[in-house]
Protein backbone atom coordinates (compact mmCIF):
# COMPACT_ATOMS: atom_id res chain seq x y z
CA UNK A 1 4.13 -29.51 -0.08
CA UNK A 2 7.90 -29.06 -0.38
CA UNK A 3 10.04 -27.25 2.08
CA UNK A 4 10.58 -24.67 -0.66
CA UNK A 5 6.91 -24.01 -1.10
CA UNK A 6 6.26 -23.97 2.69
CA UNK A 7 8.80 -21.34 3.15
CA UNK A 8 6.99 -19.18 0.53
CA UNK A 9 3.56 -19.79 2.06
CA UNK A 10 4.84 -18.40 5.37
CA UNK A 11 5.40 -15.13 3.62
CA UNK A 12 2.41 -15.05 1.41
CA UNK A 13 0.13 -12.94 3.75
CA UNK A 14 2.68 -10.25 3.91
CA UNK A 15 3.45 -10.30 0.12
CA UNK A 16 -0.28 -10.08 -0.68
CA UNK A 17 -0.81 -7.12 1.73
CA UNK A 18 2.31 -5.50 0.04
CA UNK A 19 1.00 -6.02 -3.54
CA UNK A 20 -2.45 -4.89 -2.55
CA UNK A 21 -1.12 -1.52 -1.10
CA UNK A 22 0.75 -1.08 -4.41
CA UNK A 23 -2.05 -2.02 -6.80
CA UNK A 24 -5.33 -1.46 -4.97
CA UNK A 25 -6.75 -4.70 -6.37
CA UNK A 26 -6.58 -8.02 -4.58
CA UNK A 27 -7.17 -9.86 -7.90
CA UNK A 28 -3.99 -8.15 -9.34
CA UNK A 29 -2.17 -8.59 -6.03
CA UNK A 30 -2.73 -12.33 -5.91
CA UNK A 31 -1.65 -12.63 -9.63
CA UNK A 32 1.70 -10.73 -8.67
CA UNK A 33 2.27 -12.92 -5.65
CA UNK A 34 1.73 -16.04 -7.81
CA UNK A 35 4.30 -14.79 -10.26
CA UNK A 36 6.77 -14.13 -7.38
CA UNK A 37 6.14 -17.73 -6.33
CA UNK A 38 7.08 -19.03 -9.79
CA UNK A 39 10.22 -17.12 -9.63
CA UNK A 40 10.92 -18.30 -6.19
CA UNK A 41 10.44 -21.92 -7.24
CA UNK A 42 13.17 -21.52 -9.89
CA UNK A 43 15.85 -19.95 -7.60
CA UNK A 44 18.68 -21.81 -5.89
CA UNK A 45 17.62 -21.39 -2.34
CA UNK A 46 21.23 -21.75 -1.04
CA UNK A 47 22.13 -18.53 -2.76
CA UNK A 48 19.45 -16.43 -1.00
CA UNK A 49 20.49 -15.19 2.47
CA UNK A 50 17.25 -13.33 3.32
CA UNK A 51 14.24 -14.95 2.02
CA UNK A 52 11.74 -12.25 3.08
CA UNK A 53 14.00 -9.52 1.58
CA UNK A 54 14.23 -11.49 -1.73
CA UNK A 55 10.53 -12.01 -1.94
CA UNK A 56 9.59 -8.36 -1.02
CA UNK A 57 11.96 -7.16 -3.78
CA UNK A 58 10.51 -9.51 -6.42
CA UNK A 59 6.98 -8.81 -5.34
CA UNK A 60 7.63 -5.02 -5.38
CA UNK A 61 9.17 -5.03 -8.86
CA UNK A 62 6.46 -7.15 -10.21
CA UNK A 63 3.74 -4.79 -8.70
CA UNK A 64 5.42 -1.80 -9.99
CA UNK A 65 5.33 -3.16 -13.58
CA UNK A 66 1.82 -4.22 -13.27
CA UNK A 67 0.81 -0.72 -11.85
CA UNK A 68 2.50 0.96 -14.79
CA UNK A 69 0.24 -0.95 -17.30
CA UNK A 70 -2.86 -0.68 -15.03
CA UNK A 71 -2.69 3.10 -15.01
CA UNK A 72 -3.41 3.16 -18.70
CA UNK A 73 -6.44 0.98 -18.17
CA UNK A 74 -7.68 2.98 -15.25
CA UNK A 75 -7.31 6.32 -17.22
CA UNK A 76 -9.96 4.77 -19.70
CA UNK A 77 -12.27 3.46 -16.93
CA UNK A 78 -15.91 4.36 -16.92
CA UNK A 79 -16.38 6.88 -14.13
CA UNK A 80 -14.03 7.17 -11.05
CA UNK A 81 -11.78 4.14 -10.54
CA UNK A 82 -11.79 3.11 -6.86
CA UNK A 83 -9.78 0.42 -5.16
CA UNK A 84 -11.22 -3.09 -4.66
CA UNK A 85 -12.63 -3.24 -1.04
CA UNK A 86 -11.20 -6.23 0.78
CA UNK A 87 -11.97 -8.14 3.90
CA UNK A 88 -9.50 -7.14 6.54
CA UNK A 89 -8.34 -10.65 7.34
CA UNK A 90 -7.18 -11.01 3.68
CA UNK A 91 -4.71 -8.22 3.92
CA UNK A 92 -1.94 -9.75 5.94
CA UNK A 93 -0.58 -8.58 9.24
CA UNK A 94 -1.84 -5.24 10.48
CA UNK A 95 -0.04 -5.16 13.80
CA UNK A 96 1.37 -1.72 13.52
CA UNK A 97 -0.29 1.64 13.08
CA UNK A 98 1.59 2.21 9.80
CA UNK A 99 0.58 -1.23 8.35
CA UNK A 100 -3.10 -0.48 9.21
CA UNK A 101 -3.11 3.13 8.01
CA UNK A 102 -1.59 2.28 4.62
CA UNK A 103 -4.32 -0.34 3.88
CA UNK A 104 -7.12 1.94 4.92
CA UNK A 105 -9.44 2.59 2.03
CA UNK A 106 -8.96 6.33 1.92
CA UNK A 107 -5.16 5.97 1.90
CA UNK A 108 -5.26 3.33 -0.89
CA UNK A 109 -7.35 5.49 -2.88
CA UNK A 110 -5.20 8.64 -2.31
CA UNK A 111 -2.06 6.54 -3.32
CA UNK A 112 -3.51 6.62 -6.93
CA UNK A 113 -2.17 10.17 -7.09
CA UNK A 114 1.34 8.84 -6.81
CA UNK A 115 3.62 7.56 -9.57
CA UNK A 116 4.36 3.83 -9.36
CA UNK A 117 8.00 4.49 -7.95
CA UNK A 118 6.65 7.01 -5.46
CA UNK A 119 3.85 4.62 -4.32
CA UNK A 120 6.44 1.73 -3.90
CA UNK A 121 8.84 3.94 -1.92
CA UNK A 122 5.98 5.28 0.30
CA UNK A 123 4.62 1.83 1.04
CA UNK A 124 8.09 0.11 1.59
CA UNK A 125 9.17 2.88 3.95
CA UNK A 126 5.91 3.80 5.71
CA UNK A 127 4.37 0.33 6.21
CA UNK A 128 7.29 -2.11 6.03
CA UNK A 129 9.97 0.28 7.51
CA UNK A 130 12.54 -0.64 5.00
CA UNK A 131 15.87 1.24 5.16
CA UNK A 132 16.35 3.64 2.22
CA UNK A 133 19.30 1.66 0.80
CA UNK A 134 17.16 -1.34 0.43
CA UNK A 135 14.32 0.60 -1.10
CA UNK A 136 16.80 2.26 -3.55
CA UNK A 137 17.89 -1.23 -4.66
CA UNK A 138 14.28 -2.32 -5.19
CA UNK A 139 13.17 0.66 -7.17
CA UNK A 140 16.51 1.08 -8.93
CA UNK A 141 16.89 4.77 -7.74
CA UNK A 142 19.37 6.55 -5.62
CA UNK A 143 18.96 6.87 -1.77
CA UNK A 144 18.74 10.58 -2.17
CA UNK A 145 15.95 10.24 -4.77
CA UNK A 146 14.10 7.71 -2.67
CA UNK A 147 14.08 10.15 0.22
CA UNK A 148 12.65 12.89 -2.10
CA UNK A 149 9.96 10.60 -3.33
CA UNK A 150 8.94 9.63 0.12
CA UNK A 151 8.72 13.21 1.17
CA UNK A 152 6.82 14.19 -1.96
CA UNK A 153 4.42 11.25 -1.49
CA UNK A 154 3.70 12.33 2.16
CA UNK A 155 2.88 15.80 1.05
CA UNK A 156 0.41 14.49 -1.64
CA UNK A 157 -1.30 12.31 0.93
CA UNK A 158 -1.20 14.64 3.95
CA UNK A 159 -4.32 16.50 3.24
CA UNK A 160 -6.59 13.35 2.93
CA UNK A 161 -5.20 11.41 5.88
CA UNK A 162 -6.76 11.54 9.22
CA UNK A 163 -4.48 13.07 11.91
CA UNK A 164 -6.58 11.58 14.74
CA UNK A 165 -7.94 8.22 13.64
CA UNK A 166 -11.06 6.79 15.48
CA UNK A 167 -11.00 3.47 17.15
CA UNK A 168 -12.98 0.63 15.36
CA UNK A 169 -15.82 1.09 17.83
CA UNK A 170 -15.96 4.90 17.28
CA UNK A 171 -15.77 4.33 13.50
CA UNK A 172 -18.56 1.79 13.63
CA UNK A 173 -20.82 4.16 15.81
CA UNK A 174 -20.20 7.10 13.31
CA UNK A 175 -21.21 4.65 10.39
CA UNK A 176 -24.32 3.72 12.18
CA UNK A 177 -25.17 7.44 12.79
CA UNK A 178 -24.58 8.13 9.27
CA UNK A 179 -26.92 5.40 8.05
CA UNK A 180 -29.65 6.22 10.56
CA UNK A 181 -29.50 9.86 9.68
CA UNK A 182 -29.76 9.19 5.96
CA UNK A 183 -32.48 6.72 6.22
CA UNK A 184 -34.47 9.04 8.52
CA UNK A 185 -33.92 12.03 6.18
CA UNK A 186 -32.33 13.81 9.15
CA UNK A 187 -30.50 16.70 7.25
CA UNK A 188 -29.45 18.32 10.42
CA UNK A 189 -27.75 15.24 11.66
CA UNK A 190 -26.21 14.64 8.23
CA UNK A 191 -24.95 18.17 8.00
CA UNK A 192 -23.16 17.72 11.36
CA UNK A 193 -21.62 14.51 10.21
CA UNK A 194 -20.32 15.56 6.93
CA UNK A 195 -17.21 17.99 6.39
CA UNK A 196 -17.97 21.09 4.42
CA UNK A 197 -15.69 19.92 1.61
CA UNK A 198 -16.85 16.19 1.70
CA UNK A 199 -16.58 14.30 -1.60
CA UNK A 200 -18.73 11.41 -2.66
CA UNK A 201 -17.26 8.91 -5.07
CA UNK A 202 -19.07 6.07 -6.73
CA UNK A 203 -17.60 3.21 -8.89
CA UNK A 204 -19.98 1.25 -11.10
CA UNK A 205 -17.30 0.31 -13.57
CA UNK A 206 -19.89 0.78 -16.43
CA UNK A 207 -21.76 -2.34 -15.26
CA UNK A 208 -24.25 -0.62 -13.06
CA UNK A 209 -25.48 2.91 -12.57
CA UNK A 210 -23.07 5.28 -10.77
CA UNK A 211 -22.23 8.89 -10.80
CA UNK A 212 -19.54 9.42 -13.51
CA UNK A 213 -17.89 12.22 -11.61
CA UNK A 214 -17.12 12.85 -7.86
CA UNK A 215 -19.74 15.00 -6.08
CA UNK A 216 -18.10 17.72 -4.02
CA UNK A 217 -19.40 19.84 -1.28
CA UNK A 218 -21.74 19.31 1.59
CA UNK A 219 -24.80 20.68 -0.12
CA UNK A 220 -24.33 18.66 -3.21
CA UNK A 221 -23.49 15.43 -1.32
CA UNK A 222 -26.65 15.89 0.83
CA UNK A 223 -28.78 16.31 -2.18
CA UNK A 224 -27.17 13.19 -3.64
CA UNK A 225 -27.93 11.09 -0.54
CA UNK A 226 -31.46 12.14 -0.13
CA UNK A 227 -32.14 11.81 -3.86
CA UNK A 228 -30.81 8.21 -3.84
CA UNK A 229 -32.91 7.33 -0.76
CA UNK A 230 -36.03 8.78 -2.20
CA UNK A 231 -35.44 6.68 -5.30
CA UNK A 232 -34.18 3.33 -3.81
CA UNK A 233 -35.27 1.46 -0.79
CA UNK A 234 -32.68 -0.13 1.44
CA UNK A 235 -33.64 -3.71 1.69
CA UNK A 236 -30.80 -4.91 3.92
CA UNK A 237 -27.59 -3.70 5.45
CA UNK A 238 -24.72 -5.07 7.49
CA UNK A 239 -21.37 -3.83 9.02
CA UNK A 240 -18.36 -5.45 7.60
CA UNK A 241 -14.67 -5.35 8.53
CA UNK A 242 -13.09 -4.01 5.27
CA UNK A 243 -9.62 -2.52 4.69
CA UNK A 244 -9.03 -2.34 8.41
CA UNK A 245 -12.14 -0.53 9.42
CA UNK A 246 -15.90 -0.93 9.59
CA UNK A 247 -17.83 -0.47 6.25
CA UNK A 248 -21.46 -0.62 5.33
CA UNK A 249 -22.86 -3.51 3.11
CA UNK A 250 -26.02 -2.50 1.64
CA UNK A 251 -28.65 -3.89 -0.59
CA UNK A 252 -30.91 -1.52 -2.37
CA UNK A 253 -33.23 -2.10 -5.42
CA UNK A 254 -31.59 -5.61 -5.50
CA UNK A 255 -28.15 -4.26 -5.93
CA UNK A 256 -25.47 -5.01 -3.40
CA UNK A 257 -22.98 -2.30 -2.73
CA UNK A 258 -20.43 -1.32 -0.13
CA UNK A 259 -19.99 2.25 1.35
CA UNK A 260 -16.77 3.21 3.11
CA UNK A 261 -16.14 6.51 4.90
CA UNK A 262 -12.98 8.54 4.78
CA UNK A 263 -12.63 10.53 7.99
CA UNK A 264 -10.89 13.60 9.13
CA UNK A 265 -10.94 15.19 12.60
CA UNK A 266 -14.11 13.21 13.47
CA UNK A 267 -16.06 14.11 10.39
CA UNK A 268 -16.83 12.46 7.09
CA UNK A 269 -14.60 13.90 4.35
CA UNK A 270 -15.20 11.23 1.74
CA UNK A 271 -17.87 8.67 0.99
CA UNK A 272 -16.74 5.89 -1.24
CA UNK A 273 -19.51 3.74 -2.73
CA UNK A 274 -18.49 0.48 -4.58
CA UNK A 275 -21.17 -0.76 -6.90
CA UNK A 276 -19.00 -2.54 -9.53
CA UNK A 277 -19.99 -6.25 -9.07
CA UNK A 278 -16.57 -7.45 -10.24
CA UNK A 279 -14.87 -5.62 -7.46
CA UNK A 280 -17.30 -7.01 -4.91
CA UNK A 281 -17.42 -10.60 -5.80
CA UNK A 282 -14.59 -11.55 -3.41
CA UNK A 283 -16.00 -9.64 -0.56
CA UNK A 284 -19.41 -11.28 -0.88
CA UNK A 285 -18.30 -14.69 -1.93
CA UNK A 286 -20.21 -17.38 -0.19
CA UNK A 287 -22.62 -14.93 1.43
């Protein structure tokens, strides 16, 4: 490997994490990072003062372009489009609260509400702490406009982000309580765990059976959970580290799926079930 390639590889984990936050798909993120590498391989290294800054700029711009085209495809998706759940160790450094929070499944899903420039501004400022002047150059907007986009993005995401996030251990315990209550048909325990306005999302991608619309409200979500458990037997389950938090891998009726929880104030406000095998292939590769 050349020195040029080695320098790029040192930055690859950060770039992959950045691209995933912007796209919600590890497949697309890795394609974008590979395109960034091709551009890097063609530049004169002596003309680049800050390799990390250059690569973040290139990756961000490529991801924004990719996101614009992807949004058209996602609007025609069969049922709700959910982000690809990704093993935490594939998402680059998570050594600050902001890096961890912006890769959480609930936040990545919520960021679908943002325009591509808003999403880029939010991620670059919130997760990577870039100055507004640098962000403005990347998204080709004024500093004032970038400040407005960041503020607007924060308002869009505020309602769905947990103000008091649980530790991994607490999160895992709540996940286990949820599974035990569901399998035991303990409606009282499930009612206590679920927020009144809880929403259940399911992504089958048109490849497997899944709800075509979000199910909203505690009563309807309880009916959904109990109905599914009456119909399908859980054959196996395991807890995985996904998007920076524990997630539940379940096999039911021969179908593998992953359930992730969105939490707020110690209660479950969202249940995300990924059933689309295409979006699970990386997570379950080799298992």
